[in-house]
C-alpha atoms as a PDB file:
ATOM      1  CA  MET A   1     -67.655 178.588  98.734  1.00  0.00           C
ATOM      2  CA  ASN A   2     -68.349 179.894 102.551  1.00  0.00           C
ATOM      3  CA  LYS A   3     -69.846 178.331 105.314  1.00  0.00           C
ATOM      4  CA  ASN A   4     -71.419 179.820 108.302  1.00  0.00           C
ATOM      5  CA  TYR A   5     -70.219 178.827 111.671  1.00  0.00           C
ATOM      6  CA  LEU A   6     -72.290 178.854 114.848  1.00  0.00           C
ATOM      7  CA  GLU A   7     -70.123 180.038 117.938  1.00  0.00           C
ATOM      8  CA  SER A   8     -71.036 177.771 121.007  1.00  0.00           C
ATOM      9  CA  ARG A   9     -71.978 179.586 124.366  1.00  0.00           C
ATOM     10  CA  ALA A  10     -71.114 178.412 127.807  1.00  0.00           C
ATOM     11  CA  TYR A  11     -74.453 176.651 129.403  1.00  0.00           C
ATOM     12  CA  SER A  12     -75.965 178.903 131.986  1.00  0.00           C
ATOM     13  CA  LYS A  13     -78.571 176.603 134.199  1.00  0.00           C
ATOM     14  CA  PRO A  14     -82.019 177.833 134.711  1.00  0.00           C
ATOM     15  CA  GLU A  15     -82.566 179.831 137.982  1.00  0.00           C
ATOM     16  CA  CYS A  16     -85.446 180.578 140.369  1.00  0.00           C
ATOM     17  CA  GLU A  17     -85.989 182.818 142.894  1.00  0.00           C
ATOM     18  CA  MET A  18     -89.077 182.933 145.548  1.00  0.00           C
ATOM     19  CA  ILE A  19     -90.063 186.323 146.868  1.00  0.00           C
ATOM     20  CA  GLN A  20     -92.431 186.480 149.620  1.00  0.00           C
ATOM     21  CA  ALA A  21     -95.345 188.948 149.452  1.00  0.00           C
ATOM     22  CA  GLU A  22     -98.558 189.609 151.428  1.00  0.00           C
ATOM     23  CA  ALA A  23    -101.858 188.298 149.931  1.00  0.00           C
ATOM     24  CA  GLU A  24    -104.103 191.397 149.171  1.00  0.00           C
ATOM     25  CA  GLN A  25    -107.719 190.934 148.060  1.00  0.00           C
ATOM     26  CA  PHE A  26    -108.850 193.888 146.019  1.00  0.00           C
ATOM     27  CA  ILE A  27    -112.169 194.834 144.621  1.00  0.00           C
ATOM     28  CA  CYS A  28    -112.236 196.339 141.381  1.00  0.00           C
ATOM     29  CA  THR A  29    -115.596 197.786 140.060  1.00  0.00           C
ATOM     30  CA  SER A  30    -116.781 200.094 136.912  1.00  0.00           C
ATOM     31  CA  VAL A  31    -119.460 202.338 137.409  1.00  0.00           C
ATOM     32  CA  SER A  32    -121.423 203.233 134.632  1.00  0.00           C
ATOM     33  CA  PRO A  33    -123.550 206.757 135.357  1.00  0.00           C
ATOM     34  CA  HIS A  34    -127.602 206.177 135.043  1.00  0.00           C
ATOM     35  CA  PRO A  35    -128.679 208.027 132.235  1.00  0.00           C
ATOM     36  CA  GLY A  36    -132.093 209.388 134.531  1.00  0.00           C
ATOM     37  CA  SER A  37    -129.544 211.064 137.027  1.00  0.00           C
ATOM     38  CA  GLN A  38    -130.200 214.270 138.626  1.00  0.00           C
ATOM     39  CA  GLN A  39    -126.839 216.064 137.361  1.00  0.00           C
ATOM     40  CA  GLU A  40    -127.427 218.862 134.786  1.00  0.00           C
ATOM     41  CA  GLU A  41    -125.121 219.087 131.527  1.00  0.00           C
ATOM     42  CA  TRP A  42    -124.388 215.199 131.652  1.00  0.00           C
ATOM     43  CA  ASP A  43    -122.580 213.525 128.950  1.00  0.00           C
ATOM     44  CA  PRO A  44    -123.180 209.632 128.686  1.00  0.00           C
ATOM     45  CA  ASP A  45    -120.055 209.270 126.960  1.00  0.00           C
ATOM     46  CA  GLU A  46    -117.801 210.933 129.806  1.00  0.00           C
ATOM     47  CA  GLU A  47    -115.660 208.971 131.602  1.00  0.00           C
ATOM     48  CA  VAL A  48    -116.447 209.026 135.620  1.00  0.00           C
ATOM     49  CA  ASP A  49    -113.630 208.603 137.945  1.00  0.00           C
ATOM     50  CA  GLY A  50    -115.274 207.101 141.079  1.00  0.00           C
ATOM     51  CA  GLY A  51    -112.542 207.654 143.216  1.00  0.00           C
ATOM     52  CA  GLU A  52    -110.891 205.166 145.618  1.00  0.00           C
ATOM     53  CA  TYR A  53    -112.587 203.507 148.687  1.00  0.00           C
ATOM     54  CA  GLU A  54    -111.047 201.509 151.197  1.00  0.00           C
ATOM     55  CA  PHE A  55    -113.176 198.517 152.972  1.00  0.00           C
ATOM     56  CA  GLU A  56    -111.569 196.796 155.895  1.00  0.00           C
END
């Protein structure tokens, strides 16, 4: 009869390291194009990249 034996490992204590970081305030938006826009050949299912804007 075979018995399974578990091998014990040395105890490792939990550790936590605090890292200081600056707080940032971001404004994230999702832009949906208006179907009545003046742009020709506009596809309502097309993804639009609104770019990046920086506010102070």
